[in-house]
Each structure stands twice: as structure tokens, then as C-alpha cells.
Amino acid sequence: MSQIIEANWLIIAIVLMIALLLAAWLLGRATKPTARRSHRPDVLDEGVAPAQRNQALIDSPVAMTIVPATTVDSMGGLGEVIAAEQTGNAEAEAWEEKEAASESEPGDDLGRLKGVGPKLVAALHGLGVSRYDQIAAWSDADIARVDAALPPAFQGRIVRDNWTGQARFLASGDVAGYEGKFGKL
């Protein structure tokens, strides 16, 4: 072994020198602070003129009118909203009568329906729906009306989760029938 080292000492010394230089270069590079930009210029920065596309958005007409919450809250529910929009519509009037008759009775726990969570319960209450017998009595037209009034993320759930079928069981108090068809409450 010592004969190999003695014969090739120059090559070994050069390799060690290159390794030391490479290590020193890598360590020196890793410790240098790199200059990074902490702030990128933006069209909203002071002294910068606004971009034309942003100004166009600012100057564009309003796409929709926002109705104050007090106007919507003062209405009795979905029945009155539909009646206001479709004056003279017999189905809307029948819906309004059903809602008015049901307002005097206490509400049910709509969260027991499969597929109905707290956000949907709040949305249904906002539409004047608070009891199982209301949901159980919905016609196809009523389902379409309520579905259209729900937030977009929840549309289609009435039919998909069969709320009317679930509500029929719960309105009649048939827990065993409900659990037999829809699973444990």
C-alpha cells in the first residue's frame, strides 16, 4: 500500500487540493447572503400610475344590484319572494298560503335529514322552511323553486338526497321506516 502512495503522491496531492478548493467554494457560497427582493412593485404602490386594465375595472358599471338584507329579511320567506316576482301565479299563491299556515307551528331539526348540514339549515330557514311536513308536501315545482333559491354549491341536493322522502318519514314520526330506508339517524 505504501508503495502505491509513494508512486502516486503527486496525483493524490492534486486530488486533495481540488477537493479542498471545491469544499471551500461550496461553503463560501452557502454562507453568502443572497439579495432577494422583499417587495415587488405593484400598480397600487404610491407614485405608480394605475394599470389601464385596473382602471377599466374600476370605471366599469356595476354588474348587479345588491339588495339590502333588511328588505329580504322583512319578507316572510320564499313564498312571498316568488309571489312578488310572479304576481298572479296560482302556484306561488298556494306556496304562500302553505308557508303562512305553517309559521305558527314550531320548527323541526332539519339537520336530521341526510345531506343537510348547518349551512343548509340556515339557508332553508332563510327561505321560510322549518318543518318536515313542509318539505314532505313539496311538489316538483316547489322543489325546483327552492333548489334555485339555494346557494349554488347546494343545488341538486333536494332530489339527490331525497329530502321529500326523508321528510315524509320524519314528519309522521316513523323513525324505524326512516332508518330502514335511509340508515341510522
C-alpha atoms as a PDB file:
ATOM      1  CA  MET A   1       0.000   0.000   0.000  1.00  0.00           C
ATOM      2  CA  SER A   2       2.757   2.426   0.899  1.00  0.00           C
ATOM      3  CA  GLN A   3       4.438   1.725  -2.454  1.00  0.00           C
ATOM      4  CA  ILE A   4       1.292   2.815  -4.304  1.00  0.00           C
ATOM      5  CA  ILE A   5       1.137   6.039  -2.274  1.00  0.00           C
ATOM      6  CA  GLU A   6       4.828   6.776  -2.842  1.00  0.00           C
ATOM      7  CA  ALA A   7       4.479   6.160  -6.590  1.00  0.00           C
ATOM      8  CA  ASN A   8       1.350   8.331  -6.987  1.00  0.00           C
ATOM      9  CA  TRP A   9       1.828  11.009  -4.308  1.00  0.00           C
ATOM     10  CA  LEU A  10       1.602  13.811  -6.830  1.00  0.00           C
ATOM     11  CA  ILE A  11      -1.801  12.664  -8.154  1.00  0.00           C
ATOM     12  CA  ILE A  12      -3.113  12.174  -4.608  1.00  0.00           C
ATOM     13  CA  ALA A  13      -1.942  15.659  -3.617  1.00  0.00           C
ATOM     14  CA  ILE A  14      -3.637  17.231  -6.656  1.00  0.00           C
ATOM     15  CA  VAL A  15      -6.921  15.408  -5.951  1.00  0.00           C
ATOM     16  CA  LEU A  16      -6.825  16.518  -2.286  1.00  0.00           C
ATOM     17  CA  MET A  17      -6.117  20.094  -3.326  1.00  0.00           C
ATOM     18  CA  ILE A  18      -9.059  20.093  -5.779  1.00  0.00           C
ATOM     19  CA  ALA A  19     -11.351  18.595  -3.096  1.00  0.00           C
ATOM     20  CA  LEU A  20     -10.318  21.286  -0.596  1.00  0.00           C
ATOM     21  CA  LEU A  21     -10.866  24.076  -3.116  1.00  0.00           C
ATOM     22  CA  LEU A  22     -14.282  22.651  -4.076  1.00  0.00           C
ATOM     23  CA  ALA A  23     -15.330  22.342  -0.404  1.00  0.00           C
ATOM     24  CA  ALA A  24     -14.183  25.897   0.350  1.00  0.00           C
ATOM     25  CA  TRP A  25     -16.077  27.227  -2.670  1.00  0.00           C
ATOM     26  CA  LEU A  26     -19.294  25.387  -1.713  1.00  0.00           C
ATOM     27  CA  LEU A  27     -19.120  26.503   1.933  1.00  0.00           C
ATOM     28  CA  GLY A  28     -18.368  30.085   0.944  1.00  0.00           C
ATOM     29  CA  ARG A  29     -21.285  30.123  -1.476  1.00  0.00           C
ATOM     30  CA  ALA A  30     -23.743  28.717   1.078  1.00  0.00           C
ATOM     31  CA  THR A  31     -22.951  31.376   3.676  1.00  0.00           C
ATOM     32  CA  LYS A  32     -23.212  34.366   1.336  1.00  0.00           C
ATOM     33  CA  PRO A  33     -26.477  36.191   1.849  1.00  0.00           C
ATOM     34  CA  THR A  34     -28.388  36.281  -1.394  1.00  0.00           C
ATOM     35  CA  ALA A  35     -30.023  39.531  -2.254  1.00  0.00           C
ATOM     36  CA  ARG A  36     -33.731  38.777  -2.501  1.00  0.00           C
ATOM     37  CA  ARG A  37     -36.433  41.212  -3.320  1.00  0.00           C
ATOM     38  CA  SER A  38     -38.748  41.652  -0.370  1.00  0.00           C
ATOM     39  CA  HIS A  39     -41.221  43.815  -2.276  1.00  0.00           C
ATOM     40  CA  ARG A  40     -42.348  43.610  -5.848  1.00  0.00           C
ATOM     41  CA  PRO A  41     -43.624  46.819  -7.397  1.00  0.00           C
ATOM     42  CA  ASP A  42     -47.382  46.924  -7.761  1.00  0.00           C
ATOM     43  CA  VAL A  43     -49.752  49.221  -9.623  1.00  0.00           C
ATOM     44  CA  LEU A  44     -51.205  50.238  -6.260  1.00  0.00           C
ATOM     45  CA  ASP A  45     -47.871  51.477  -4.865  1.00  0.00           C
ATOM     46  CA  GLU A  46     -47.662  55.196  -4.201  1.00  0.00           C
ATOM     47  CA  GLY A  47     -46.326  57.103  -7.162  1.00  0.00           C
ATOM     48  CA  VAL A  48     -47.109  54.376  -9.675  1.00  0.00           C
ATOM     49  CA  ALA A  49     -49.772  55.082 -12.281  1.00  0.00           C
ATOM     50  CA  PRO A  50     -52.636  52.550 -12.243  1.00  0.00           C
ATOM     51  CA  ALA A  51     -52.687  49.995 -14.999  1.00  0.00           C
ATOM     52  CA  GLN A  52     -55.240  50.547 -17.732  1.00  0.00           C
ATOM     53  CA  ARG A  53     -56.995  47.221 -17.101  1.00  0.00           C
ATOM     54  CA  ASN A  54     -57.416  48.003 -13.405  1.00  0.00           C
ATOM     55  CA  GLN A  55     -58.777  51.436 -14.209  1.00  0.00           C
ATOM     56  CA  ALA A  56     -61.208  49.849 -16.668  1.00  0.00           C
ATOM     57  CA  LEU A  57     -62.483  47.563 -13.911  1.00  0.00           C
ATOM     58  CA  ILE A  58     -62.841  50.479 -11.525  1.00  0.00           C
ATOM     59  CA  ASP A  59     -64.727  52.573 -14.080  1.00  0.00           C
ATOM     60  CA  SER A  60     -66.997  49.774 -15.364  1.00  0.00           C
ATOM     61  CA  PRO A  61     -70.708  49.862 -14.475  1.00  0.00           C
ATOM     62  CA  VAL A  62     -71.967  47.710 -11.617  1.00  0.00           C
ATOM     63  CA  ALA A  63     -72.845  44.207 -12.823  1.00  0.00           C
ATOM     64  CA  MET A  64     -75.597  43.583 -10.266  1.00  0.00           C
ATOM     65  CA  THR A  65     -77.588  45.451  -7.686  1.00  0.00           C
ATOM     66  CA  ILE A  66     -77.141  44.386  -4.091  1.00  0.00           C
ATOM     67  CA  VAL A  67     -80.407  44.220  -2.157  1.00  0.00           C
ATOM     68  CA  PRO A  68     -80.041  45.319   1.473  1.00  0.00           C
ATOM     69  CA  ALA A  69     -80.570  42.494   3.964  1.00  0.00           C
ATOM     70  CA  THR A  70     -83.392  44.367   5.685  1.00  0.00           C
ATOM     71  CA  THR A  71     -85.526  44.177   2.526  1.00  0.00           C
ATOM     72  CA  VAL A  72     -85.083  40.420   2.241  1.00  0.00           C
ATOM     73  CA  ASP A  73     -85.497  39.830   5.992  1.00  0.00           C
ATOM     74  CA  SER A  74     -88.774  41.723   6.118  1.00  0.00           C
ATOM     75  CA  MET A  75     -90.296  39.303   3.632  1.00  0.00           C
ATOM     76  CA  GLY A  76     -91.917  36.200   5.074  1.00  0.00           C
ATOM     77  CA  GLY A  77     -89.929  33.663   3.104  1.00  0.00           C
ATOM     78  CA  LEU A  78     -89.729  32.027  -0.272  1.00  0.00           C
ATOM     79  CA  GLY A  79     -93.473  32.195  -0.829  1.00  0.00           C
ATOM     80  CA  GLU A  80     -93.567  35.972  -0.693  1.00  0.00           C
ATOM     81  CA  VAL A  81     -90.434  36.301  -2.821  1.00  0.00           C
ATOM     82  CA  ILE A  82     -91.952  34.109  -5.505  1.00  0.00           C
ATOM     83  CA  ALA A  83     -95.304  35.865  -5.221  1.00  0.00           C
ATOM     84  CA  ALA A  84     -93.592  39.240  -5.603  1.00  0.00           C
ATOM     85  CA  GLU A  85     -91.779  38.063  -8.716  1.00  0.00           C
ATOM     86  CA  GLN A  86     -94.681  36.200 -10.305  1.00  0.00           C
ATOM     87  CA  THR A  87     -97.787  38.166  -9.422  1.00  0.00           C
ATOM     88  CA  GLY A  88    -100.924  36.254 -10.260  1.00  0.00           C
ATOM     89  CA  ASN A  89     -99.210  32.859 -10.358  1.00  0.00           C
ATOM     90  CA  ALA A  90    -101.535  30.333  -8.707  1.00  0.00           C
ATOM     91  CA  GLU A  91     -98.668  28.057  -7.630  1.00  0.00           C
ATOM     92  CA  ALA A  92     -96.902  30.957  -5.914  1.00  0.00           C
ATOM     93  CA  GLU A  93    -100.077  31.897  -4.091  1.00  0.00           C
ATOM     94  CA  ALA A  94    -100.578  28.301  -2.930  1.00  0.00           C
ATOM     95  CA  TRP A  95     -96.969  28.228  -1.694  1.00  0.00           C
ATOM     96  CA  GLU A  96     -97.505  31.485   0.197  1.00  0.00           C
ATOM     97  CA  GLU A  97    -100.622  30.083   1.872  1.00  0.00           C
ATOM     98  CA  LYS A  98     -98.775  26.907   2.941  1.00  0.00           C
ATOM     99  CA  GLU A  99     -95.937  28.993   4.384  1.00  0.00           C
ATOM    100  CA  ALA A 100     -98.282  31.372   6.218  1.00  0.00           C
ATOM    101  CA  ALA A 101    -100.198  28.457   7.764  1.00  0.00           C
ATOM    102  CA  SER A 102     -97.002  26.778   8.917  1.00  0.00           C
ATOM    103  CA  GLU A 103     -95.372  29.862  10.511  1.00  0.00           C
ATOM    104  CA  SER A 104     -97.347  29.475  13.737  1.00  0.00           C
ATOM    105  CA  GLU A 105     -96.030  25.953  14.413  1.00  0.00           C
ATOM    106  CA  PRO A 106     -92.547  25.325  15.897  1.00  0.00           C
ATOM    107  CA  GLY A 107     -89.757  24.176  13.609  1.00  0.00           C
ATOM    108  CA  ASP A 108     -88.161  20.732  13.328  1.00  0.00           C
ATOM    109  CA  ASP A 109     -84.468  19.830  13.412  1.00  0.00           C
ATOM    110  CA  LEU A 110     -83.826  19.892   9.663  1.00  0.00           C
ATOM    111  CA  GLY A 111     -80.238  18.834  10.332  1.00  0.00           C
ATOM    112  CA  ARG A 112     -81.534  15.277  10.879  1.00  0.00           C
ATOM    113  CA  LEU A 113     -82.137  14.972   7.129  1.00  0.00           C
ATOM    114  CA  LYS A 114     -79.245  13.202   5.389  1.00  0.00           C
ATOM    115  CA  GLY A 115     -77.278  15.706   3.324  1.00  0.00           C
ATOM    116  CA  VAL A 116     -78.465  18.753   5.287  1.00  0.00           C
ATOM    117  CA  GLY A 117     -75.821  20.430   7.418  1.00  0.00           C
ATOM    118  CA  PRO A 118     -75.803  23.688   9.375  1.00  0.00           C
ATOM    119  CA  LYS A 119     -75.338  25.887   6.293  1.00  0.00           C
ATOM    120  CA  LEU A 120     -78.276  24.293   4.505  1.00  0.00           C
ATOM    121  CA  VAL A 121     -80.429  24.503   7.645  1.00  0.00           C
ATOM    122  CA  ALA A 122     -79.706  28.238   7.781  1.00  0.00           C
ATOM    123  CA  ALA A 123     -80.450  28.613   4.061  1.00  0.00           C
ATOM    124  CA  LEU A 124     -83.741  26.722   4.419  1.00  0.00           C
ATOM    125  CA  HIS A 125     -84.747  28.795   7.439  1.00  0.00           C
ATOM    126  CA  GLY A 126     -83.973  31.902   5.391  1.00  0.00           C
ATOM    127  CA  LEU A 127     -86.413  30.620   2.780  1.00  0.00           C
ATOM    128  CA  GLY A 128     -89.124  30.064   5.393  1.00  0.00           C
ATOM    129  CA  VAL A 129     -88.731  26.281   5.560  1.00  0.00           C
ATOM    130  CA  SER A 130     -88.540  24.997   9.118  1.00  0.00           C
ATOM    131  CA  ARG A 131     -90.566  21.771   9.329  1.00  0.00           C
ATOM    132  CA  TYR A 132     -90.531  18.269   7.876  1.00  0.00           C
ATOM    133  CA  ASP A 133     -94.171  18.418   6.754  1.00  0.00           C
ATOM    134  CA  GLN A 134     -93.359  21.450   4.587  1.00  0.00           C
ATOM    135  CA  ILE A 135     -90.621  19.538   2.791  1.00  0.00           C
ATOM    136  CA  ALA A 136     -92.734  16.361   2.566  1.00  0.00           C
ATOM    137  CA  ALA A 137     -95.502  18.331   0.800  1.00  0.00           C
ATOM    138  CA  TRP A 138     -93.240  19.834  -1.891  1.00  0.00           C
ATOM    139  CA  SER A 139     -94.332  19.307  -5.481  1.00  0.00           C
ATOM    140  CA  ASP A 140     -91.854  19.109  -8.352  1.00  0.00           C
ATOM    141  CA  ALA A 141     -92.424  22.830  -8.977  1.00  0.00           C
ATOM    142  CA  ASP A 142     -91.762  23.610  -5.300  1.00  0.00           C
ATOM    143  CA  ILE A 143     -88.560  21.552  -5.401  1.00  0.00           C
ATOM    144  CA  ALA A 144     -87.391  23.440  -8.496  1.00  0.00           C
ATOM    145  CA  ARG A 145     -88.180  26.797  -6.855  1.00  0.00           C
ATOM    146  CA  VAL A 146     -86.406  26.002  -3.595  1.00  0.00           C
ATOM    147  CA  ASP A 147     -83.440  24.401  -5.383  1.00  0.00           C
ATOM    148  CA  ALA A 148     -82.973  27.540  -7.481  1.00  0.00           C
ATOM    149  CA  ALA A 149     -83.025  29.671  -4.313  1.00  0.00           C
ATOM    150  CA  LEU A 150     -80.331  27.602  -2.556  1.00  0.00           C
ATOM    151  CA  PRO A 151     -76.657  28.599  -2.830  1.00  0.00           C
ATOM    152  CA  PRO A 152     -75.092  27.108  -5.998  1.00  0.00           C
ATOM    153  CA  ALA A 153     -72.947  24.639  -4.048  1.00  0.00           C
ATOM    154  CA  PHE A 154     -76.098  23.009  -2.640  1.00  0.00           C
ATOM    155  CA  GLN A 155     -78.291  22.955  -5.729  1.00  0.00           C
ATOM    156  CA  GLY A 156     -79.462  19.500  -6.770  1.00  0.00           C
ATOM    157  CA  ARG A 157     -79.296  18.040  -3.268  1.00  0.00           C
ATOM    158  CA  ILE A 158     -83.061  18.010  -2.722  1.00  0.00           C
ATOM    159  CA  VAL A 159     -83.576  15.349  -5.383  1.00  0.00           C
ATOM    160  CA  ARG A 160     -80.214  13.610  -4.994  1.00  0.00           C
ATOM    161  CA  ASP A 161     -80.630  13.109  -1.227  1.00  0.00           C
ATOM    162  CA  ASN A 162     -84.425  12.582  -1.475  1.00  0.00           C
ATOM    163  CA  TRP A 163     -85.334  15.197   1.130  1.00  0.00           C
ATOM    164  CA  THR A 164     -89.061  14.789   0.476  1.00  0.00           C
ATOM    165  CA  GLY A 165     -88.925  11.035   1.138  1.00  0.00           C
ATOM    166  CA  GLN A 166     -86.869  11.542   4.285  1.00  0.00           C
ATOM    167  CA  ALA A 167     -89.186  14.318   5.463  1.00  0.00           C
ATOM    168  CA  ARG A 168     -92.291  12.122   4.999  1.00  0.00           C
ATOM    169  CA  PHE A 169     -90.888   9.549   7.418  1.00  0.00           C
ATOM    170  CA  LEU A 170     -89.727  12.159   9.939  1.00  0.00           C
ATOM    171  CA  ALA A 171     -92.956  14.210   9.743  1.00  0.00           C
ATOM    172  CA  SER A 172     -95.016  11.113  10.531  1.00  0.00           C
ATOM    173  CA  GLY A 173     -92.647  10.072  13.336  1.00  0.00           C
ATOM    174  CA  ASP A 174     -91.752   6.786  11.589  1.00  0.00           C
ATOM    175  CA  VAL A 175     -88.129   6.530  12.746  1.00  0.00           C
ATOM    176  CA  ALA A 176     -87.971   2.782  12.064  1.00  0.00           C
ATOM    177  CA  GLY A 177     -89.160   3.280   8.472  1.00  0.00           C
ATOM    178  CA  TYR A 178     -86.677   6.130   8.020  1.00  0.00           C
ATOM    179  CA  GLU A 179     -83.761   4.089   9.339  1.00  0.00           C
ATOM    180  CA  GLY A 180     -84.808   1.126   7.210  1.00  0.00           C
ATOM    181  CA  LYS A 181     -84.630   3.184   4.033  1.00  0.00           C
ATOM    182  CA  PHE A 182     -82.042   5.899   4.753  1.00  0.00           C
ATOM    183  CA  GLY A 183     -79.882   4.476   7.539  1.00  0.00           C
ATOM    184  CA  LYS A 184     -79.360   5.315  11.184  1.00  0.00           C
ATOM    185  CA  LEU A 185     -80.423   8.763  12.353  1.00  0.00           C
END
